């Protein structure tokens, strides 16, 4: 954009007296409230209105996204400075952002987490006594693209408006897709919740490691795992959410056993016996190798 003449500047000054400012993007005189502040400018306002600024930023993000699509932002071995904590960090400490110039977020992962936590806390405090459904306007769901009444969105006090970003239907679909893609994490979450509810000690471990191994009861391929001493049933000294209390099991046997004591269930399904021995190799859980076929089994009548 070339320099403006003295006549043009005089005309703009006259229009400013009426509360109007010239936008160099859309070439219109608009109310000053539509412009962002800019201390570098003579008028104290930006040269383009907010809509033009947003449009320009959107075009810039699209261009950067296309440019960074085939690039690895972590290929550059030089460190990057986080402006929030002022640390020089490896680029692996920054999350991906294809719309940024270098393909990475401006601040490091730790600072992002802290920012998000503070933001959620502020929103939660502000929304504690507010009714998110009091606003009669509709809200757009980014997944299905529909403008829906706010009643179609579940409450979420950590969000700015006190509601989830997606509608109830799309949220349910997201949950189903996540559970299908992460069966191990789903099982881990459910087990932790049951253990916490029952007050049972819990240890982190890979619950899917036993999938495909023989069921400890019938020998069929296991498609789930079983707490030998159930965390929801009678509590004993062996009741713990940890590998030493977890065995491979098929869904049929799991449904049959339920929350029964393993001694009672085994006696009902098979035959009475006097003892129960569980053979368990700790290296199979915490070593580098996958569990062996005989990593855990039950020997009855010993």
C-alpha atoms as a PDB file:
ATOM      1  CA  UNK A   1       0.000   0.000   0.000  1.00  0.00           C
ATOM      2  CA  UNK A   2       1.418   3.381  -1.024  1.00  0.00           C
ATOM      3  CA  UNK A   3       1.636   6.458   1.154  1.00  0.00           C
ATOM      4  CA  UNK A   4      -1.556   8.461   1.486  1.00  0.00           C
ATOM      5  CA  UNK A   5      -1.661  12.097   0.434  1.00  0.00           C
ATOM      6  CA  UNK A   6      -2.227  15.039   2.763  1.00  0.00           C
ATOM      7  CA  UNK A   7      -5.724  15.486   1.334  1.00  0.00           C
ATOM      8  CA  UNK A   8      -6.611  11.859   2.041  1.00  0.00           C
ATOM      9  CA  UNK A   9      -5.211  12.121   5.578  1.00  0.00           C
ATOM     10  CA  UNK A  10      -7.217  15.305   6.199  1.00  0.00           C
ATOM     11  CA  UNK A  11     -10.378  13.554   5.017  1.00  0.00           C
ATOM     12  CA  UNK A  12      -9.697  10.610   7.304  1.00  0.00           C
ATOM     13  CA  UNK A  13      -9.181  12.951  10.244  1.00  0.00           C
ATOM     14  CA  UNK A  14     -12.532  14.573   9.476  1.00  0.00           C
ATOM     15  CA  UNK A  15     -14.226  11.170   9.407  1.00  0.00           C
ATOM     16  CA  UNK A  16     -12.588  10.275  12.717  1.00  0.00           C
ATOM     17  CA  UNK A  17     -14.541  13.130  14.291  1.00  0.00           C
ATOM     18  CA  UNK A  18     -17.671  11.123  13.448  1.00  0.00           C
ATOM     19  CA  UNK A  19     -16.261   7.962  15.019  1.00  0.00           C
ATOM     20  CA  UNK A  20     -15.291   6.364  11.696  1.00  0.00           C
ATOM     21  CA  UNK A  21     -11.971   4.816  10.689  1.00  0.00           C
ATOM     22  CA  UNK A  22     -10.777   3.690   7.262  1.00  0.00           C
ATOM     23  CA  UNK A  23     -10.114  -0.044   6.723  1.00  0.00           C
ATOM     24  CA  UNK A  24      -7.345  -0.709   4.221  1.00  0.00           C
ATOM     25  CA  UNK A  25      -8.674  -4.232   3.707  1.00  0.00           C
ATOM     26  CA  UNK A  26     -12.291  -3.683   2.705  1.00  0.00           C
ATOM     27  CA  UNK A  27     -11.704  -0.015   1.684  1.00  0.00           C
ATOM     28  CA  UNK A  28     -14.585   1.271   3.810  1.00  0.00           C
ATOM     29  CA  UNK A  29     -15.047   3.743   6.659  1.00  0.00           C
ATOM     30  CA  UNK A  30     -16.286   1.759   9.640  1.00  0.00           C
ATOM     31  CA  UNK A  31     -17.045   2.484  13.324  1.00  0.00           C
ATOM     32  CA  UNK A  32     -13.870   2.609  15.399  1.00  0.00           C
ATOM     33  CA  UNK A  33     -15.189  -0.189  17.636  1.00  0.00           C
ATOM     34  CA  UNK A  34     -14.632  -2.641  14.775  1.00  0.00           C
ATOM     35  CA  UNK A  35     -10.856  -2.095  14.781  1.00  0.00           C
ATOM     36  CA  UNK A  36      -8.244  -3.649  17.074  1.00  0.00           C
ATOM     37  CA  UNK A  37      -5.980  -1.280  19.022  1.00  0.00           C
ATOM     38  CA  UNK A  38      -2.491  -0.643  17.666  1.00  0.00           C
ATOM     39  CA  UNK A  39      -0.229   1.727  19.615  1.00  0.00           C
ATOM     40  CA  UNK A  40       2.155   1.984  16.660  1.00  0.00           C
ATOM     41  CA  UNK A  41      -0.418   3.758  14.506  1.00  0.00           C
ATOM     42  CA  UNK A  42      -1.134   7.487  14.639  1.00  0.00           C
ATOM     43  CA  UNK A  43      -4.808   6.887  15.402  1.00  0.00           C
ATOM     44  CA  UNK A  44      -4.119   4.160  17.962  1.00  0.00           C
ATOM     45  CA  UNK A  45      -6.142   1.714  15.823  1.00  0.00           C
ATOM     46  CA  UNK A  46      -5.162  -1.013  13.401  1.00  0.00           C
ATOM     47  CA  UNK A  47      -5.205  -0.326   9.683  1.00  0.00           C
ATOM     48  CA  UNK A  48      -7.677  -3.172   9.061  1.00  0.00           C
ATOM     49  CA  UNK A  49     -10.941  -4.045  10.765  1.00  0.00           C
ATOM     50  CA  UNK A  50     -11.260  -7.178  12.866  1.00  0.00           C
ATOM     51  CA  UNK A  51     -13.069  -9.104  10.105  1.00  0.00           C
ATOM     52  CA  UNK A  52     -10.291  -8.362   7.610  1.00  0.00           C
ATOM     53  CA  UNK A  53      -7.675  -9.322  10.201  1.00  0.00           C
ATOM     54  CA  UNK A  54      -9.427 -12.631  10.832  1.00  0.00           C
ATOM     55  CA  UNK A  55      -9.703 -13.315   7.099  1.00  0.00           C
ATOM     56  CA  UNK A  56      -6.008 -12.532   6.581  1.00  0.00           C
ATOM     57  CA  UNK A  57      -5.024 -14.780   9.508  1.00  0.00           C
ATOM     58  CA  UNK A  58      -7.182 -17.598   8.104  1.00  0.00           C
ATOM     59  CA  UNK A  59      -5.486 -17.325   4.703  1.00  0.00           C
ATOM     60  CA  UNK A  60      -2.097 -17.333   6.391  1.00  0.00           C
ATOM     61  CA  UNK A  61      -2.969 -20.463   8.421  1.00  0.00           C
ATOM     62  CA  UNK A  62      -4.174 -22.289   5.292  1.00  0.00           C
ATOM     63  CA  UNK A  63      -0.963 -21.408   3.451  1.00  0.00           C
ATOM     64  CA  UNK A  64       1.214 -22.516   6.363  1.00  0.00           C
ATOM     65  CA  UNK A  65      -0.763 -25.731   6.814  1.00  0.00           C
ATOM     66  CA  UNK A  66      -0.247 -26.652   3.161  1.00  0.00           C
ATOM     67  CA  UNK A  67       3.448 -25.834   3.401  1.00  0.00           C
ATOM     68  CA  UNK A  68       3.975 -27.830   6.618  1.00  0.00           C
ATOM     69  CA  UNK A  69       1.897 -30.854   5.540  1.00  0.00           C
ATOM     70  CA  UNK A  70       4.902 -32.789   4.230  1.00  0.00           C
ATOM     71  CA  UNK A  71       7.486 -31.351   6.638  1.00  0.00           C
ATOM     72  CA  UNK A  72       8.690 -32.827   9.925  1.00  0.00           C
ATOM     73  CA  UNK A  73       8.824 -29.965  12.467  1.00  0.00           C
ATOM     74  CA  UNK A  74      11.158 -32.031  14.659  1.00  0.00           C
ATOM     75  CA  UNK A  75      13.779 -32.511  11.934  1.00  0.00           C
ATOM     76  CA  UNK A  76      15.420 -29.224  12.952  1.00  0.00           C
ATOM     77  CA  UNK A  77      17.882 -30.115  15.716  1.00  0.00           C
ATOM     78  CA  UNK A  78      18.279 -26.562  16.994  1.00  0.00           C
ATOM     79  CA  UNK A  79      16.533 -25.712  20.303  1.00  0.00           C
ATOM     80  CA  UNK A  80      13.524 -23.438  20.528  1.00  0.00           C
ATOM     81  CA  UNK A  81      12.861 -20.800  23.177  1.00  0.00           C
ATOM     82  CA  UNK A  82       9.589 -20.825  25.086  1.00  0.00           C
ATOM     83  CA  UNK A  83       8.510 -17.220  25.728  1.00  0.00           C
ATOM     84  CA  UNK A  84       6.549 -18.162  28.859  1.00  0.00           C
ATOM     85  CA  UNK A  85       9.232 -19.994  30.849  1.00  0.00           C
ATOM     86  CA  UNK A  86      12.210 -18.473  28.938  1.00  0.00           C
ATOM     87  CA  UNK A  87      13.835 -21.903  28.532  1.00  0.00           C
ATOM     88  CA  UNK A  88      15.764 -23.134  25.509  1.00  0.00           C
ATOM     89  CA  UNK A  89      14.231 -26.570  24.908  1.00  0.00           C
ATOM     90  CA  UNK A  90      14.451 -29.358  22.321  1.00  0.00           C
ATOM     91  CA  UNK A  91      11.734 -29.070  19.696  1.00  0.00           C
ATOM     92  CA  UNK A  92      10.236 -32.338  20.917  1.00  0.00           C
ATOM     93  CA  UNK A  93       9.032 -30.385  23.974  1.00  0.00           C
ATOM     94  CA  UNK A  94       6.649 -28.412  21.716  1.00  0.00           C
ATOM     95  CA  UNK A  95       3.420 -29.806  20.278  1.00  0.00           C
ATOM     96  CA  UNK A  96       2.665 -29.812  16.566  1.00  0.00           C
ATOM     97  CA  UNK A  97       0.777 -26.896  15.047  1.00  0.00           C
ATOM     98  CA  UNK A  98       0.723 -27.012  11.256  1.00  0.00           C
ATOM     99  CA  UNK A  99      -0.700 -23.473  11.088  1.00  0.00           C
ATOM    100  CA  UNK A 100       2.401 -21.992  12.780  1.00  0.00           C
ATOM    101  CA  UNK A 101       5.400 -20.826  10.767  1.00  0.00           C
ATOM    102  CA  UNK A 102       7.702 -23.604  12.061  1.00  0.00           C
ATOM    103  CA  UNK A 103       4.957 -26.217  12.495  1.00  0.00           C
ATOM    104  CA  UNK A 104       5.107 -26.075  16.311  1.00  0.00           C
ATOM    105  CA  UNK A 105       3.194 -24.305  19.060  1.00  0.00           C
ATOM    106  CA  UNK A 106       4.627 -21.076  20.396  1.00  0.00           C
ATOM    107  CA  UNK A 107       4.983 -22.293  23.994  1.00  0.00           C
ATOM    108  CA  UNK A 108       6.251 -25.624  25.349  1.00  0.00           C
ATOM    109  CA  UNK A 109       4.068 -28.530  26.461  1.00  0.00           C
ATOM    110  CA  UNK A 110       4.538 -27.810  30.183  1.00  0.00           C
ATOM    111  CA  UNK A 111       3.446 -24.186  29.805  1.00  0.00           C
ATOM    112  CA  UNK A 112       0.506 -25.226  27.621  1.00  0.00           C
ATOM    113  CA  UNK A 113      -0.658 -27.632  30.327  1.00  0.00           C
ATOM    114  CA  UNK A 114      -0.314 -24.954  33.005  1.00  0.00           C
ATOM    115  CA  UNK A 115      -2.206 -22.424  30.870  1.00  0.00           C
ATOM    116  CA  UNK A 116      -4.993 -24.898  30.172  1.00  0.00           C
ATOM    117  CA  UNK A 117      -5.249 -25.798  33.861  1.00  0.00           C
ATOM    118  CA  UNK A 118      -5.509 -22.130  34.901  1.00  0.00           C
ATOM    119  CA  UNK A 119      -8.084 -21.480  32.171  1.00  0.00           C
ATOM    120  CA  UNK A 120     -10.215 -24.453  33.222  1.00  0.00           C
ATOM    121  CA  UNK A 121     -10.022 -23.356  36.862  1.00  0.00           C
ATOM    122  CA  UNK A 122     -11.143 -19.810  35.979  1.00  0.00           C
ATOM    123  CA  UNK A 123     -14.004 -21.109  33.858  1.00  0.00           C
ATOM    124  CA  UNK A 124     -15.071 -23.521  36.581  1.00  0.00           C
ATOM    125  CA  UNK A 125     -15.148 -20.736  39.183  1.00  0.00           C
ATOM    126  CA  UNK A 126     -17.046 -18.393  36.885  1.00  0.00           C
ATOM    127  CA  UNK A 127     -19.565 -21.050  35.841  1.00  0.00           C
ATOM    128  CA  UNK A 128     -20.152 -22.423  39.341  1.00  0.00           C
ATOM    129  CA  UNK A 129     -23.260 -20.291  39.896  1.00  0.00           C
ATOM    130  CA  UNK A 130     -24.171 -19.622  36.269  1.00  0.00           C
ATOM    131  CA  UNK A 131     -26.816 -21.402  34.206  1.00  0.00           C
ATOM    132  CA  UNK A 132     -25.290 -22.322  30.817  1.00  0.00           C
ATOM    133  CA  UNK A 133     -28.774 -22.819  29.368  1.00  0.00           C
ATOM    134  CA  UNK A 134     -29.955 -19.296  30.223  1.00  0.00           C
ATOM    135  CA  UNK A 135     -28.597 -17.982  26.909  1.00  0.00           C
ATOM    136  CA  UNK A 136     -31.452 -18.384  24.373  1.00  0.00           C
ATOM    137  CA  UNK A 137     -29.134 -18.266  21.346  1.00  0.00           C
ATOM    138  CA  UNK A 138     -28.202 -21.446  19.499  1.00  0.00           C
ATOM    139  CA  UNK A 139     -24.774 -23.046  19.455  1.00  0.00           C
ATOM    140  CA  UNK A 140     -22.989 -24.672  16.522  1.00  0.00           C
ATOM    141  CA  UNK A 141     -21.591 -28.184  16.845  1.00  0.00           C
ATOM    142  CA  UNK A 142     -18.270 -28.400  14.953  1.00  0.00           C
ATOM    143  CA  UNK A 143     -18.701 -32.136  14.283  1.00  0.00           C
ATOM    144  CA  UNK A 144     -22.129 -32.217  12.638  1.00  0.00           C
ATOM    145  CA  UNK A 145     -22.200 -28.514  11.637  1.00  0.00           C
ATOM    146  CA  UNK A 146     -25.706 -27.966  13.039  1.00  0.00           C
ATOM    147  CA  UNK A 147     -26.935 -24.916  14.947  1.00  0.00           C
ATOM    148  CA  UNK A 148     -28.687 -26.465  17.940  1.00  0.00           C
ATOM    149  CA  UNK A 149     -30.412 -25.280  21.136  1.00  0.00           C
ATOM    150  CA  UNK A 150     -28.019 -25.182  24.056  1.00  0.00           C
ATOM    151  CA  UNK A 151     -29.984 -27.968  25.757  1.00  0.00           C
ATOM    152  CA  UNK A 152     -28.458 -30.307  23.148  1.00  0.00           C
ATOM    153  CA  UNK A 153     -25.028 -29.777  24.746  1.00  0.00           C
ATOM    154  CA  UNK A 154     -23.949 -31.327  28.039  1.00  0.00           C
ATOM    155  CA  UNK A 155     -22.614 -29.223  30.892  1.00  0.00           C
ATOM    156  CA  UNK A 156     -18.874 -28.693  31.185  1.00  0.00           C
ATOM    157  CA  UNK A 157     -17.961 -26.024  33.722  1.00  0.00           C
ATOM    158  CA  UNK A 158     -14.339 -25.903  32.524  1.00  0.00           C
ATOM    159  CA  UNK A 159     -15.390 -24.456  29.146  1.00  0.00           C
ATOM    160  CA  UNK A 160     -15.924 -20.731  28.604  1.00  0.00           C
ATOM    161  CA  UNK A 161     -19.702 -21.056  28.080  1.00  0.00           C
ATOM    162  CA  UNK A 162     -20.164 -23.901  30.571  1.00  0.00           C
ATOM    163  CA  UNK A 163     -21.038 -26.438  27.843  1.00  0.00           C
ATOM    164  CA  UNK A 164     -19.251 -29.139  25.860  1.00  0.00           C
ATOM    165  CA  UNK A 165     -17.942 -28.055  22.472  1.00  0.00           C
ATOM    166  CA  UNK A 166     -19.878 -30.799  20.621  1.00  0.00           C
ATOM    167  CA  UNK A 167     -23.531 -31.827  20.946  1.00  0.00           C
ATOM    168  CA  UNK A 168     -24.651 -34.862  22.942  1.00  0.00           C
ATOM    169  CA  UNK A 169     -25.057 -37.084  19.863  1.00  0.00           C
ATOM    170  CA  UNK A 170     -21.623 -36.276  18.455  1.00  0.00           C
ATOM    171  CA  UNK A 171     -20.044 -36.636  21.887  1.00  0.00           C
ATOM    172  CA  UNK A 172     -21.501 -40.146  22.168  1.00  0.00           C
ATOM    173  CA  UNK A 173     -20.092 -41.013  18.742  1.00  0.00           C
ATOM    174  CA  UNK A 174     -16.687 -39.695  19.799  1.00  0.00           C
ATOM    175  CA  UNK A 175     -16.752 -41.868  22.922  1.00  0.00           C
ATOM    176  CA  UNK A 176     -17.692 -44.990  20.937  1.00  0.00           C
ATOM    177  CA  UNK A 177     -14.952 -44.356  18.361  1.00  0.00           C
ATOM    178  CA  UNK A 178     -12.372 -43.765  21.103  1.00  0.00           C
ATOM    179  CA  UNK A 179     -13.353 -46.967  22.920  1.00  0.00           C
ATOM    180  CA  UNK A 180     -13.064 -48.996  19.705  1.00  0.00           C
ATOM    181  CA  UNK A 181      -9.660 -47.511  18.926  1.00  0.00           C
ATOM    182  CA  UNK A 182      -8.368 -47.855  22.514  1.00  0.00           C
ATOM    183  CA  UNK A 183      -9.749 -51.063  24.082  1.00  0.00           C
ATOM    184  CA  UNK A 184      -6.837 -51.288  26.472  1.00  0.00           C
ATOM    185  CA  UNK A 185      -7.282 -47.748  27.754  1.00  0.00           C
ATOM    186  CA  UNK A 186     -11.016 -48.339  28.113  1.00  0.00           C
ATOM    187  CA  UNK A 187     -10.414 -51.470  30.191  1.00  0.00           C
ATOM    188  CA  UNK A 188      -7.795 -49.654  32.253  1.00  0.00           C
ATOM    189  CA  UNK A 189     -10.129 -46.740  32.956  1.00  0.00           C
ATOM    190  CA  UNK A 190     -13.010 -49.019  33.949  1.00  0.00           C
ATOM    191  CA  UNK A 191     -10.786 -51.107  36.206  1.00  0.00           C
ATOM    192  CA  UNK A 192      -9.319 -48.043  37.913  1.00  0.00           C
ATOM    193  CA  UNK A 193     -12.795 -46.661  38.494  1.00  0.00           C
ATOM    194  CA  UNK A 194     -14.044 -49.921  40.025  1.00  0.00           C
ATOM    195  CA  UNK A 195     -10.926 -50.243  42.165  1.00  0.00           C
ATOM    196  CA  UNK A 196     -11.219 -46.659  43.421  1.00  0.00           C
ATOM    197  CA  UNK A 197     -14.908 -47.135  44.216  1.00  0.00           C
ATOM    198  CA  UNK A 198     -14.142 -50.277  46.214  1.00  0.00           C
ATOM    199  CA  UNK A 199     -11.083 -48.762  47.902  1.00  0.00           C
ATOM    200  CA  UNK A 200      -8.752 -51.363  46.361  1.00  0.00           C
ATOM    201  CA  UNK A 201      -5.045 -50.601  45.699  1.00  0.00           C
ATOM    202  CA  UNK A 202      -4.267 -50.159  42.003  1.00  0.00           C
ATOM    203  CA  UNK A 203      -1.050 -50.284  39.974  1.00  0.00           C
ATOM    204  CA  UNK A 204      -0.536 -49.116  36.358  1.00  0.00           C
ATOM    205  CA  UNK A 205       0.065 -51.916  33.819  1.00  0.00           C
ATOM    206  CA  UNK A 206      -0.861 -52.999  30.293  1.00  0.00           C
ATOM    207  CA  UNK A 207      -4.181 -54.796  30.580  1.00  0.00           C
ATOM    208  CA  UNK A 208      -4.186 -55.898  26.941  1.00  0.00           C
ATOM    209  CA  UNK A 209      -0.955 -57.911  27.260  1.00  0.00           C
ATOM    210  CA  UNK A 210      -2.906 -61.091  27.945  1.00  0.00           C
ATOM    211  CA  UNK A 211      -5.348 -60.759  25.034  1.00  0.00           C
ATOM    212  CA  UNK A 212      -5.158 -63.737  22.669  1.00  0.00           C
ATOM    213  CA  UNK A 213      -3.595 -66.043  25.280  1.00  0.00           C
ATOM    214  CA  UNK A 214      -5.481 -69.142  26.499  1.00  0.00           C
ATOM    215  CA  UNK A 215      -8.277 -68.495  28.973  1.00  0.00           C
ATOM    216  CA  UNK A 216      -7.081 -69.754  32.349  1.00  0.00           C
ATOM    217  CA  UNK A 217     -10.371 -71.595  32.851  1.00  0.00           C
ATOM    218  CA  UNK A 218     -11.375 -73.179  29.536  1.00  0.00           C
ATOM    219  CA  UNK A 219      -8.351 -72.666  27.283  1.00  0.00           C
ATOM    220  CA  UNK A 220     -10.128 -70.662  24.563  1.00  0.00           C
ATOM    221  CA  UNK A 221      -8.411 -67.489  23.277  1.00  0.00           C
ATOM    222  CA  UNK A 222      -8.786 -64.721  25.843  1.00  0.00           C
ATOM    223  CA  UNK A 223     -10.387 -61.478  24.650  1.00  0.00           C
ATOM    224  CA  UNK A 224     -10.441 -59.815  28.057  1.00  0.00           C
ATOM    225  CA  UNK A 225      -8.824 -60.104  31.468  1.00  0.00           C
ATOM    226  CA  UNK A 226     -10.150 -61.161  34.852  1.00  0.00           C
ATOM    227  CA  UNK A 227      -9.373 -60.113  38.382  1.00  0.00           C
ATOM    228  CA  UNK A 228      -9.049 -63.530  39.980  1.00  0.00           C
ATOM    229  CA  UNK A 229     -10.118 -61.993  43.271  1.00  0.00           C
ATOM    230  CA  UNK A 230     -12.736 -59.482  42.039  1.00  0.00           C
ATOM    231  CA  UNK A 231     -12.368 -55.856  43.042  1.00  0.00           C
ATOM    232  CA  UNK A 232     -16.161 -55.519  43.235  1.00  0.00           C
ATOM    233  CA  UNK A 233     -16.769 -58.583  45.365  1.00  0.00           C
ATOM    234  CA  UNK A 234     -15.604 -59.856  48.716  1.00  0.00           C
ATOM    235  CA  UNK A 235     -12.410 -58.079  49.725  1.00  0.00           C
ATOM    236  CA  UNK A 236      -9.498 -60.296  50.756  1.00  0.00           C
ATOM    237  CA  UNK A 237      -5.793 -59.832  51.273  1.00  0.00           C
ATOM    238  CA  UNK A 238      -5.344 -60.834  47.605  1.00  0.00           C
ATOM    239  CA  UNK A 239      -7.775 -58.260  46.233  1.00  0.00           C
ATOM    240  CA  UNK A 240      -5.673 -55.769  44.276  1.00  0.00           C
ATOM    241  CA  UNK A 241      -5.812 -54.163  40.835  1.00  0.00           C
ATOM    242  CA  UNK A 242      -2.366 -55.326  39.768  1.00  0.00           C
ATOM    243  CA  UNK A 243      -0.816 -57.924  37.416  1.00  0.00           C
ATOM    244  CA  UNK A 244      -0.520 -60.512  40.176  1.00  0.00           C
ATOM    245  CA  UNK A 245      -4.339 -60.578  40.424  1.00  0.00           C
ATOM    246  CA  UNK A 246      -5.056 -60.458  36.670  1.00  0.00           C
ATOM    247  CA  UNK A 247      -5.410 -63.489  34.362  1.00  0.00           C
ATOM    248  CA  UNK A 248      -6.420 -63.964  30.713  1.00  0.00           C
ATOM    249  CA  UNK A 249     -10.049 -64.938  30.323  1.00  0.00           C
ATOM    250  CA  UNK A 250     -12.665 -65.293  27.598  1.00  0.00           C
ATOM    251  CA  UNK A 251     -15.898 -63.343  27.876  1.00  0.00           C
ATOM    252  CA  UNK A 252     -17.967 -66.489  28.391  1.00  0.00           C
ATOM    253  CA  UNK A 253     -16.039 -67.505  31.514  1.00  0.00           C
ATOM    254  CA  UNK A 254     -15.933 -63.903  32.693  1.00  0.00           C
ATOM    255  CA  UNK A 255     -19.705 -63.650  32.463  1.00  0.00           C
ATOM    256  CA  UNK A 256     -20.067 -66.931  34.331  1.00  0.00           C
ATOM    257  CA  UNK A 257     -17.676 -65.996  37.143  1.00  0.00           C
ATOM    258  CA  UNK A 258     -18.926 -62.444  37.678  1.00  0.00           C
ATOM    259  CA  UNK A 259     -17.928 -61.238  41.142  1.00  0.00           C
ATOM    260  CA  UNK A 260     -17.732 -64.681  42.693  1.00  0.00           C
ATOM    261  CA  UNK A 261     -14.868 -65.826  44.856  1.00  0.00           C
ATOM    262  CA  UNK A 262     -12.561 -67.835  42.521  1.00  0.00           C
ATOM    263  CA  UNK A 263     -12.625 -70.893  44.810  1.00  0.00           C
ATOM    264  CA  UNK A 264     -16.422 -71.010  44.867  1.00  0.00           C
ATOM    265  CA  UNK A 265     -16.710 -70.419  41.120  1.00  0.00           C
ATOM    266  CA  UNK A 266     -14.113 -73.041  40.221  1.00  0.00           C
ATOM    267  CA  UNK A 267     -15.809 -75.577  42.475  1.00  0.00           C
ATOM    268  CA  UNK A 268     -19.185 -74.836  40.873  1.00  0.00           C
ATOM    269  CA  UNK A 269     -17.964 -75.008  37.273  1.00  0.00           C
ATOM    270  CA  UNK A 270     -15.413 -77.803  37.555  1.00  0.00           C
ATOM    271  CA  UNK A 271     -14.911 -79.830  40.723  1.00  0.00           C
ATOM    272  CA  UNK A 272     -14.259 -79.244  44.420  1.00  0.00           C
ATOM    273  CA  UNK A 273     -10.602 -78.900  45.354  1.00  0.00           C
ATOM    274  CA  UNK A 274      -8.500 -77.943  48.321  1.00  0.00           C
ATOM    275  CA  UNK A 275      -6.095 -75.376  46.928  1.00  0.00           C
ATOM    276  CA  UNK A 276      -5.415 -72.853  44.213  1.00  0.00           C
ATOM    277  CA  UNK A 277      -2.003 -71.975  42.777  1.00  0.00           C
ATOM    278  CA  UNK A 278      -1.404 -69.067  40.393  1.00  0.00           C
ATOM    279  CA  UNK A 279       1.871 -69.213  38.476  1.00  0.00           C
ATOM    280  CA  UNK A 280       2.921 -65.688  37.481  1.00  0.00           C
ATOM    281  CA  UNK A 281       6.163 -64.414  35.968  1.00  0.00           C
ATOM    282  CA  UNK A 282       6.818 -60.761  36.787  1.00  0.00           C
ATOM    283  CA  UNK A 283       9.255 -60.393  33.865  1.00  0.00           C
ATOM    284  CA  UNK A 284       6.436 -61.032  31.426  1.00  0.00           C
ATOM    285  CA  UNK A 285       4.672 -57.884  32.611  1.00  0.00           C
ATOM    286  CA  UNK A 286       7.546 -55.531  33.237  1.00  0.00           C
ATOM    287  CA  UNK A 287      10.275 -57.011  30.985  1.00  0.00           C
ATOM    288  CA  UNK A 288      10.966 -56.214  27.336  1.00  0.00           C
ATOM    289  CA  UNK A 289       9.291 -59.335  25.964  1.00  0.00           C
ATOM    290  CA  UNK A 290       5.598 -60.019  25.465  1.00  0.00           C
ATOM    291  CA  UNK A 291       3.912 -62.495  27.849  1.00  0.00           C
ATOM    292  CA  UNK A 292       4.595 -66.140  27.054  1.00  0.00           C
ATOM    293  CA  UNK A 293       1.727 -68.551  26.483  1.00  0.00           C
ATOM    294  CA  UNK A 294       2.220 -69.962  29.979  1.00  0.00           C
ATOM    295  CA  UNK A 295       2.790 -66.597  31.605  1.00  0.00           C
ATOM    296  CA  UNK A 296      -0.056 -67.207  34.049  1.00  0.00           C
ATOM    297  CA  UNK A 297      -2.264 -70.179  34.722  1.00  0.00           C
ATOM    298  CA  UNK A 298      -4.297 -71.728  37.486  1.00  0.00           C
ATOM    299  CA  UNK A 299      -3.576 -75.205  38.775  1.00  0.00           C
ATOM    300  CA  UNK A 300      -6.455 -76.676  40.750  1.00  0.00           C
ATOM    301  CA  UNK A 301      -6.395 -79.512  43.230  1.00  0.00           C
ATOM    302  CA  UNK A 302      -2.761 -78.982  44.223  1.00  0.00           C
END
